[in-house]
Every structure is written in C-alpha cells, then in structure tokens.
Amino acid sequence: MKNNNFRTFQGYMKQEEHLLSASMEDYLEMIYRLSKDTGFTRINELSEALNVHPPSATRMVQKLGLMNLLQYERYGVIILRAEGKKLGELLLLRHNIIEAFFRLIGAKAETLLAETEKVEHTLSDETVKCFEQFIAFIEENPDVLIRFKNFKVE
C-alpha cells in the first residue's frame, strides 16, 4: 500500500497554522529574555542580541506591536503586553526543554544553540511535551542515562 502523506518541508509547515513566523517567535523570545528582569528592553539591545541591524529589529517590533503583543514607541522602550509576556515565557520554556534534551543525548556544545534554534520552530507542542517527559524520566532514572552513554561509546 502506497503512503501518499509525504510532503516537502514547506508542505508540512503549511499544514500547521502558526500565528507567528519563526522570526517573530525568535524576536518575542529574545524580548522576553532581555526584559525579564527590568520589564523592558530597547531596540539596540535587541538588535545586538539577535545580530541584526536596528532597522530590521524596529520593523519586527512594529509588527509585533500591531499584533498587540508589545508596546513600543519610536526611540523608546519595548514593553511586552500580557499576551506577549505569556508567549515569550512559553517560547523560552520550549527553547530550554529542547536544548536540555539535546544536551542530554550528547549533542556537541559548540552546535547546541544553532541546533536548538533550527529545530524549535518545527516541533509541535505535543512533541516538546514528550521531550520534557523524557528528561524527567531520565532525571528519575539516572542509570538509563549511564547505560545510554556507555552504549554510545561502544
């Protein structure tokens, strides 16, 4: 029996409804990181953190502002609104779970951030939850991790 469910990467991504693009998610996550302690951040801090030019950061911040996720006035501070803060927190949590999973299975430290950034926009919430459960399982059963590490060496 032939499986007709295969798609290209773009085809799979089109099947899922995403309110935010991957770039929007990256910006929102970083704004959350930068404003977590102070309650705000600035365009220059944001553009520096994401290695983009300030005008690019400004355009994205304006888009996120139109979506009512943050408050921004030209040359002023960026402040997340309640929904933006909630999404930013969830995006950072997702990032941390995926990074912890990759670290657990022995991903190289020098590629860990790039791999996490590439993958985090493609996984469903359900799959991320599975990663989280697996991490918890390994924490409760450290012998399994030891056996896995020994298996990798063999």
N, C-alpha and C. Protein backbone atom coordinates (compact mmCIF):
# COMPACT_ATOMS: atom_id res chain seq x y z
N MET A 1 0.84 -1.18 0.00
CA MET A 1 0.00 0.00 0.00
C MET A 1 0.89 1.25 0.00
N LYS A 2 0.62 2.16 -0.89
CA LYS A 2 1.41 3.37 -1.05
C LYS A 2 0.97 4.44 -0.05
N ASN A 3 1.95 5.08 0.58
CA ASN A 3 1.67 6.15 1.53
C ASN A 3 1.73 7.49 0.79
N ASN A 4 0.59 8.17 0.70
CA ASN A 4 0.51 9.46 0.00
C ASN A 4 0.55 10.64 0.95
N ASN A 5 1.03 10.43 2.17
CA ASN A 5 1.05 11.51 3.16
C ASN A 5 2.35 12.30 3.18
N PHE A 6 3.33 11.91 2.35
CA PHE A 6 4.61 12.63 2.35
C PHE A 6 4.45 14.01 1.74
N ARG A 7 5.19 14.97 2.27
CA ARG A 7 5.18 16.34 1.79
C ARG A 7 6.62 16.86 1.81
N THR A 8 6.83 18.00 1.21
CA THR A 8 8.11 18.69 1.39
C THR A 8 8.07 19.36 2.75
N PHE A 9 9.21 19.86 3.18
CA PHE A 9 9.26 20.57 4.46
C PHE A 9 8.25 21.70 4.46
N GLN A 10 8.25 22.49 3.39
CA GLN A 10 7.30 23.61 3.30
C GLN A 10 5.86 23.12 3.34
N GLY A 11 5.60 21.98 2.74
CA GLY A 11 4.25 21.42 2.75
C GLY A 11 3.79 21.08 4.16
N TYR A 12 4.69 20.50 4.95
CA TYR A 12 4.34 20.19 6.33
C TYR A 12 4.10 21.47 7.13
N MET A 13 4.95 22.47 6.89
CA MET A 13 4.82 23.72 7.64
C MET A 13 3.52 24.45 7.28
N LYS A 14 3.09 24.35 6.03
CA LYS A 14 1.85 25.00 5.61
C LYS A 14 0.62 24.33 6.23
N GLN A 15 0.74 23.04 6.55
CA GLN A 15 -0.38 22.31 7.14
C GLN A 15 -0.70 22.80 8.54
N GLU A 16 0.32 23.30 9.23
CA GLU A 16 0.12 23.78 10.60
C GLU A 16 -0.20 25.26 10.57
N GLU A 17 -1.12 25.64 11.39
CA GLU A 17 -1.46 27.07 11.48
C GLU A 17 -0.60 27.72 12.54
N HIS A 18 0.25 28.60 12.10
CA HIS A 18 1.12 29.34 13.02
C HIS A 18 0.73 30.81 12.99
N LEU A 19 0.40 31.34 14.13
CA LEU A 19 0.09 32.76 14.23
C LEU A 19 1.35 33.58 14.02
N LEU A 20 2.46 33.08 14.54
CA LEU A 20 3.73 33.78 14.44
C LEU A 20 4.69 33.03 13.52
N SER A 21 5.46 33.77 12.75
CA SER A 21 6.51 33.17 11.94
C SER A 21 7.67 32.79 12.87
N ALA A 22 8.61 32.01 12.35
CA ALA A 22 9.78 31.63 13.14
C ALA A 22 10.55 32.87 13.60
N SER A 23 10.68 33.86 12.70
CA SER A 23 11.37 35.10 13.08
C SER A 23 10.65 35.85 14.19
N MET A 24 9.33 35.91 14.07
CA MET A 24 8.54 36.57 15.12
C MET A 24 8.75 35.88 16.46
N GLU A 25 8.77 34.56 16.44
CA GLU A 25 9.00 33.80 17.67
C GLU A 25 10.37 34.12 18.25
N ASP A 26 11.40 34.17 17.37
CA ASP A 26 12.75 34.48 17.84
C ASP A 26 12.80 35.85 18.51
N TYR A 27 12.19 36.83 17.88
CA TYR A 27 12.17 38.19 18.44
C TYR A 27 11.42 38.21 19.77
N LEU A 28 10.27 37.59 19.82
CA LEU A 28 9.47 37.60 21.04
C LEU A 28 10.20 36.91 22.19
N GLU A 29 10.82 35.78 21.88
CA GLU A 29 11.59 35.07 22.91
C GLU A 29 12.73 35.93 23.42
N MET A 30 13.44 36.60 22.51
CA MET A 30 14.58 37.42 22.93
C MET A 30 14.11 38.66 23.70
N ILE A 31 13.02 39.26 23.27
CA ILE A 31 12.48 40.42 24.03
C ILE A 31 12.13 39.97 25.44
N TYR A 32 11.54 38.79 25.56
CA TYR A 32 11.21 38.26 26.88
C TYR A 32 12.48 38.07 27.71
N ARG A 33 13.51 37.46 27.12
CA ARG A 33 14.77 37.24 27.83
C ARG A 33 15.36 38.57 28.33
N LEU A 34 15.41 39.54 27.41
CA LEU A 34 16.05 40.82 27.73
C LEU A 34 15.27 41.66 28.72
N SER A 35 13.95 41.50 28.74
CA SER A 35 13.13 42.35 29.61
C SER A 35 12.67 41.64 30.89
N LYS A 36 13.10 40.40 31.06
CA LYS A 36 12.64 39.60 32.20
C LYS A 36 12.93 40.29 33.54
N ASP A 37 14.11 40.85 33.68
CA ASP A 37 14.48 41.45 34.96
C ASP A 37 14.06 42.91 35.09
N THR A 38 14.14 43.65 34.00
CA THR A 38 13.88 45.10 34.06
C THR A 38 12.46 45.47 33.67
N GLY A 39 11.76 44.58 32.94
CA GLY A 39 10.41 44.89 32.48
C GLY A 39 10.39 45.55 31.11
N PHE A 40 11.57 45.82 30.55
CA PHE A 40 11.64 46.45 29.23
C PHE A 40 12.99 46.16 28.59
N THR A 41 13.08 46.44 27.30
CA THR A 41 14.35 46.41 26.58
C THR A 41 14.31 47.50 25.53
N ARG A 42 15.39 47.65 24.80
CA ARG A 42 15.49 48.68 23.76
C ARG A 42 15.90 48.05 22.44
N ILE A 43 15.62 48.75 21.36
CA ILE A 43 15.94 48.24 20.02
C ILE A 43 17.41 47.87 19.89
N ASN A 44 18.30 48.72 20.38
CA ASN A 44 19.74 48.43 20.25
C ASN A 44 20.13 47.15 20.98
N GLU A 45 19.58 46.93 22.17
CA GLU A 45 19.86 45.69 22.90
C GLU A 45 19.33 44.49 22.13
N LEU A 46 18.14 44.63 21.60
CA LEU A 46 17.50 43.54 20.85
C LEU A 46 18.28 43.22 19.58
N SER A 47 18.61 44.24 18.81
CA SER A 47 19.33 44.01 17.55
C SER A 47 20.71 43.40 17.81
N GLU A 48 21.36 43.84 18.87
CA GLU A 48 22.67 43.28 19.23
C GLU A 48 22.54 41.82 19.65
N ALA A 49 21.53 41.51 20.44
CA ALA A 49 21.33 40.14 20.92
C ALA A 49 21.02 39.17 19.78
N LEU A 50 20.32 39.65 18.76
CA LEU A 50 19.94 38.78 17.64
C LEU A 50 20.86 38.94 16.42
N ASN A 51 21.89 39.78 16.55
CA ASN A 51 22.82 40.01 15.45
C ASN A 51 22.13 40.47 14.18
N VAL A 52 21.24 41.45 14.33
CA VAL A 52 20.54 42.05 13.19
C VAL A 52 20.74 43.56 13.26
N HIS A 53 20.47 44.24 12.16
CA HIS A 53 20.58 45.70 12.14
C HIS A 53 19.37 46.31 12.86
N PRO A 54 19.58 47.43 13.56
CA PRO A 54 18.48 48.08 14.28
C PRO A 54 17.22 48.33 13.42
N PRO A 55 17.34 48.75 12.16
CA PRO A 55 16.11 48.95 11.38
C PRO A 55 15.30 47.66 11.18
N SER A 56 16.00 46.53 11.06
CA SER A 56 15.30 45.24 10.95
C SER A 56 14.55 44.92 12.23
N ALA A 57 15.22 45.16 13.36
CA ALA A 57 14.59 44.92 14.66
C ALA A 57 13.39 45.84 14.83
N THR A 58 13.51 47.09 14.42
CA THR A 58 12.41 48.05 14.54
C THR A 58 11.20 47.58 13.74
N ARG A 59 11.42 47.13 12.50
CA ARG A 59 10.30 46.66 11.67
C ARG A 59 9.58 45.48 12.33
N MET A 60 10.35 44.53 12.88
CA MET A 60 9.71 43.37 13.50
C MET A 60 8.97 43.78 14.78
N VAL A 61 9.56 44.66 15.56
CA VAL A 61 8.91 45.14 16.79
C VAL A 61 7.60 45.84 16.45
N GLN A 62 7.61 46.61 15.37
CA GLN A 62 6.38 47.28 14.95
C GLN A 62 5.30 46.26 14.56
N LYS A 63 5.70 45.18 13.86
CA LYS A 63 4.74 44.13 13.50
C LYS A 63 4.16 43.47 14.75
N LEU A 64 5.03 43.17 15.70
CA LEU A 64 4.57 42.54 16.95
C LEU A 64 3.68 43.50 17.73
N GLY A 65 3.96 44.78 17.63
CA GLY A 65 3.12 45.80 18.27
C GLY A 65 1.73 45.83 17.66
N LEU A 66 1.66 45.71 16.33
CA LEU A 66 0.36 45.68 15.64
C LEU A 66 -0.46 44.45 16.03
N MET A 67 0.25 43.39 16.47
CA MET A 67 -0.43 42.18 16.93
C MET A 67 -0.81 42.28 18.41
N ASN A 68 -0.54 43.44 19.00
CA ASN A 68 -0.87 43.73 20.39
C ASN A 68 -0.09 42.86 21.38
N LEU A 69 1.12 42.43 20.98
CA LEU A 69 1.95 41.61 21.85
C LEU A 69 2.92 42.46 22.68
N LEU A 70 3.16 43.69 22.21
CA LEU A 70 4.08 44.57 22.94
C LEU A 70 3.72 46.01 22.68
N GLN A 71 4.32 46.84 23.48
CA GLN A 71 4.14 48.28 23.36
C GLN A 71 5.49 48.88 23.00
N TYR A 72 5.52 49.73 21.95
CA TYR A 72 6.76 50.34 21.52
C TYR A 72 6.49 51.70 20.91
N GLU A 73 7.26 52.65 21.33
CA GLU A 73 7.22 53.98 20.71
C GLU A 73 8.60 54.26 20.16
N ARG A 74 8.64 54.87 18.99
CA ARG A 74 9.90 55.15 18.32
C ARG A 74 10.91 55.77 19.28
N TYR A 75 12.11 55.22 19.28
CA TYR A 75 13.22 55.64 20.15
C TYR A 75 12.94 55.42 21.63
N GLY A 76 11.91 54.65 21.94
CA GLY A 76 11.57 54.37 23.33
C GLY A 76 11.90 52.95 23.72
N VAL A 77 11.26 52.50 24.75
CA VAL A 77 11.49 51.15 25.25
C VAL A 77 10.45 50.19 24.67
N ILE A 78 10.79 48.92 24.71
CA ILE A 78 9.90 47.85 24.28
C ILE A 78 9.39 47.18 25.55
N ILE A 79 8.08 47.14 25.70
CA ILE A 79 7.46 46.51 26.87
C ILE A 79 6.46 45.47 26.39
N LEU A 80 6.62 44.25 26.87
CA LEU A 80 5.69 43.20 26.49
C LEU A 80 4.34 43.41 27.16
N ARG A 81 3.28 43.23 26.40
CA ARG A 81 1.93 43.22 26.98
C ARG A 81 1.70 41.84 27.57
N ALA A 82 0.61 41.65 28.27
CA ALA A 82 0.36 40.38 28.97
C ALA A 82 0.46 39.18 28.04
N GLU A 83 -0.18 39.26 26.87
CA GLU A 83 -0.15 38.13 25.93
C GLU A 83 1.26 37.90 25.38
N GLY A 84 1.99 38.97 25.12
CA GLY A 84 3.36 38.86 24.64
C GLY A 84 4.27 38.25 25.68
N LYS A 85 4.06 38.64 26.93
CA LYS A 85 4.85 38.09 28.03
C LYS A 85 4.58 36.59 28.18
N LYS A 86 3.31 36.23 28.09
CA LYS A 86 2.91 34.82 28.21
C LYS A 86 3.54 34.00 27.08
N LEU A 87 3.44 34.50 25.85
CA LEU A 87 4.03 33.79 24.71
C LEU A 87 5.55 33.73 24.82
N GLY A 88 6.18 34.83 25.21
CA GLY A 88 7.62 34.86 25.37
C GLY A 88 8.10 33.84 26.38
N GLU A 89 7.38 33.74 27.48
CA GLU A 89 7.72 32.76 28.52
C GLU A 89 7.60 31.34 27.98
N LEU A 90 6.53 31.06 27.24
CA LEU A 90 6.35 29.73 26.64
C LEU A 90 7.42 29.42 25.61
N LEU A 91 7.79 30.42 24.81
CA LEU A 91 8.83 30.23 23.80
C LEU A 91 10.18 29.94 24.45
N LEU A 92 10.49 30.64 25.53
CA LEU A 92 11.74 30.40 26.24
C LEU A 92 11.73 29.01 26.90
N LEU A 93 10.61 28.62 27.46
CA LEU A 93 10.48 27.29 28.06
C LEU A 93 10.70 26.22 26.99
N ARG A 94 10.06 26.39 25.83
CA ARG A 94 10.23 25.43 24.72
C ARG A 94 11.70 25.34 24.34
N HIS A 95 12.35 26.49 24.21
CA HIS A 95 13.77 26.53 23.86
C HIS A 95 14.59 25.74 24.89
N ASN A 96 14.34 26.01 26.16
CA ASN A 96 15.12 25.37 27.22
C ASN A 96 14.90 23.86 27.28
N ILE A 97 13.69 23.42 27.01
CA ILE A 97 13.40 21.98 27.01
C ILE A 97 14.14 21.29 25.87
N ILE A 98 14.07 21.87 24.68
CA ILE A 98 14.74 21.27 23.52
C ILE A 98 16.25 21.26 23.72
N GLU A 99 16.79 22.36 24.23
CA GLU A 99 18.22 22.43 24.50
C GLU A 99 18.64 21.40 25.54
N ALA A 100 17.84 21.23 26.58
CA ALA A 100 18.14 20.25 27.62
C ALA A 100 18.10 18.83 27.06
N PHE A 101 17.15 18.57 26.17
CA PHE A 101 17.06 17.25 25.54
C PHE A 101 18.30 16.98 24.70
N PHE A 102 18.70 17.95 23.88
CA PHE A 102 19.88 17.78 23.04
C PHE A 102 21.13 17.58 23.89
N ARG A 103 21.23 18.33 24.98
CA ARG A 103 22.38 18.19 25.88
C ARG A 103 22.38 16.79 26.49
N LEU A 104 21.21 16.32 26.87
CA LEU A 104 21.06 15.00 27.49
C LEU A 104 21.52 13.88 26.55
N ILE A 105 21.19 13.98 25.29
CA ILE A 105 21.57 12.92 24.35
C ILE A 105 22.99 13.09 23.81
N GLY A 106 23.68 14.13 24.28
CA GLY A 106 25.08 14.29 23.95
C GLY A 106 25.40 15.16 22.76
N ALA A 107 24.51 16.07 22.39
CA ALA A 107 24.80 17.00 21.30
C ALA A 107 26.03 17.83 21.68
N LYS A 108 26.82 18.16 20.69
CA LYS A 108 28.05 18.93 20.94
C LYS A 108 27.72 20.34 21.40
N ALA A 109 28.45 20.81 22.40
CA ALA A 109 28.22 22.14 22.97
C ALA A 109 28.35 23.24 21.93
N GLU A 110 29.28 23.08 20.99
CA GLU A 110 29.51 24.15 20.00
C GLU A 110 28.39 24.27 18.97
N THR A 111 27.55 23.25 18.84
CA THR A 111 26.43 23.33 17.89
C THR A 111 25.07 23.36 18.59
N LEU A 112 25.08 23.28 19.90
CA LEU A 112 23.85 23.16 20.68
C LEU A 112 22.86 24.31 20.42
N LEU A 113 23.32 25.54 20.47
CA LEU A 113 22.43 26.68 20.28
C LEU A 113 21.85 26.69 18.86
N ALA A 114 22.70 26.52 17.87
CA ALA A 114 22.23 26.55 16.47
C ALA A 114 21.23 25.42 16.21
N GLU A 115 21.51 24.24 16.70
CA GLU A 115 20.60 23.11 16.50
C GLU A 115 19.26 23.37 17.18
N THR A 116 19.30 23.89 18.39
CA THR A 116 18.07 24.20 19.13
C THR A 116 17.26 25.25 18.37
N GLU A 117 17.93 26.30 17.92
CA GLU A 117 17.24 27.38 17.21
C GLU A 117 16.58 26.88 15.92
N LYS A 118 17.25 25.97 15.22
CA LYS A 118 16.69 25.46 13.97
C LYS A 118 15.49 24.56 14.20
N VAL A 119 15.55 23.76 15.23
CA VAL A 119 14.51 22.75 15.48
C VAL A 119 13.29 23.31 16.19
N GLU A 120 13.48 24.29 17.07
CA GLU A 120 12.39 24.71 17.94
C GLU A 120 11.15 25.21 17.22
N HIS A 121 11.29 25.70 16.01
CA HIS A 121 10.14 26.23 15.28
C HIS A 121 9.38 25.15 14.52
N THR A 122 9.91 23.95 14.50
CA THR A 122 9.30 22.90 13.68
C THR A 122 8.58 21.83 14.49
N LEU A 123 8.81 21.81 15.80
CA LEU A 123 8.21 20.76 16.63
C LEU A 123 6.85 21.20 17.18
N SER A 124 5.96 20.26 17.29
CA SER A 124 4.65 20.53 17.87
C SER A 124 4.77 20.63 19.39
N ASP A 125 3.80 21.25 20.00
CA ASP A 125 3.77 21.34 21.47
C ASP A 125 3.75 19.93 22.08
N GLU A 126 3.05 19.03 21.41
CA GLU A 126 2.96 17.64 21.90
C GLU A 126 4.34 16.97 21.91
N THR A 127 5.12 17.18 20.86
CA THR A 127 6.47 16.59 20.80
C THR A 127 7.38 17.21 21.85
N VAL A 128 7.29 18.52 22.06
CA VAL A 128 8.10 19.18 23.08
C VAL A 128 7.73 18.62 24.45
N LYS A 129 6.45 18.36 24.68
CA LYS A 129 6.00 17.76 25.94
C LYS A 129 6.63 16.36 26.12
N CYS A 130 6.74 15.62 25.02
CA CYS A 130 7.39 14.31 25.08
C CYS A 130 8.86 14.45 25.48
N PHE A 131 9.54 15.46 24.92
CA PHE A 131 10.93 15.73 25.31
C PHE A 131 11.00 16.02 26.81
N GLU A 132 10.08 16.85 27.28
CA GLU A 132 10.05 17.22 28.70
C GLU A 132 9.84 15.99 29.58
N GLN A 133 8.93 15.12 29.17
CA GLN A 133 8.67 13.90 29.94
C GLN A 133 9.89 12.97 29.92
N PHE A 134 10.55 12.88 28.77
CA PHE A 134 11.74 12.04 28.67
C PHE A 134 12.84 12.56 29.60
N ILE A 135 13.03 13.87 29.63
CA ILE A 135 14.04 14.48 30.52
C ILE A 135 13.71 14.14 31.97
N ALA A 136 12.44 14.28 32.35
CA ALA A 136 12.02 13.96 33.72
C ALA A 136 12.26 12.49 34.02
N PHE A 137 11.98 11.63 33.05
CA PHE A 137 12.19 10.19 33.22
C PHE A 137 13.67 9.90 33.47
N ILE A 138 14.54 10.51 32.68
CA ILE A 138 15.98 10.30 32.83
C ILE A 138 16.47 10.82 34.18
N GLU A 139 15.93 11.96 34.62
CA GLU A 139 16.32 12.50 35.92
C GLU A 139 15.93 11.57 37.06
N GLU A 140 14.80 10.87 36.90
CA GLU A 140 14.36 9.92 37.92
C GLU A 140 15.02 8.55 37.78
N ASN A 141 15.65 8.32 36.63
CA ASN A 141 16.28 7.03 36.36
C ASN A 141 17.67 7.25 35.76
N PRO A 142 18.60 7.78 36.55
CA PRO A 142 19.92 8.12 36.02
C PRO A 142 20.69 6.93 35.47
N ASP A 143 20.35 5.75 35.91
CA ASP A 143 21.03 4.56 35.40
C ASP A 143 20.80 4.39 33.89
N VAL A 144 19.65 4.81 33.42
CA VAL A 144 19.35 4.72 31.98
C VAL A 144 20.30 5.61 31.19
N LEU A 145 20.57 6.81 31.71
CA LEU A 145 21.48 7.73 31.04
C LEU A 145 22.90 7.16 31.03
N ILE A 146 23.31 6.56 32.12
CA ILE A 146 24.63 5.94 32.18
C ILE A 146 24.74 4.83 31.15
N ARG A 147 23.70 4.01 31.06
CA ARG A 147 23.70 2.92 30.08
C ARG A 147 23.72 3.48 28.65
N PHE A 148 23.00 4.57 28.42
CA PHE A 148 22.98 5.19 27.10
C PHE A 148 24.37 5.71 26.73
N LYS A 149 25.02 6.39 27.67
CA LYS A 149 26.35 6.92 27.40
C LYS A 149 27.34 5.79 27.13
N ASN A 150 27.23 4.71 27.87
CA ASN A 150 28.10 3.55 27.62
C ASN A 150 27.80 2.94 26.24
N PHE A 151 26.54 2.90 25.87
CA PHE A 151 26.14 2.39 24.57
C PHE A 151 26.75 3.22 23.44
N LYS A 152 26.76 4.54 23.61
CA LYS A 152 27.31 5.44 22.58
C LYS A 152 28.81 5.22 22.40
N VAL A 153 29.50 4.88 23.48
CA VAL A 153 30.95 4.70 23.44
C VAL A 153 31.30 3.40 22.72
N GLU A 154 30.47 2.39 22.88
CA GLU A 154 30.76 1.07 22.32
C GLU A 154 30.77 1.04 20.83
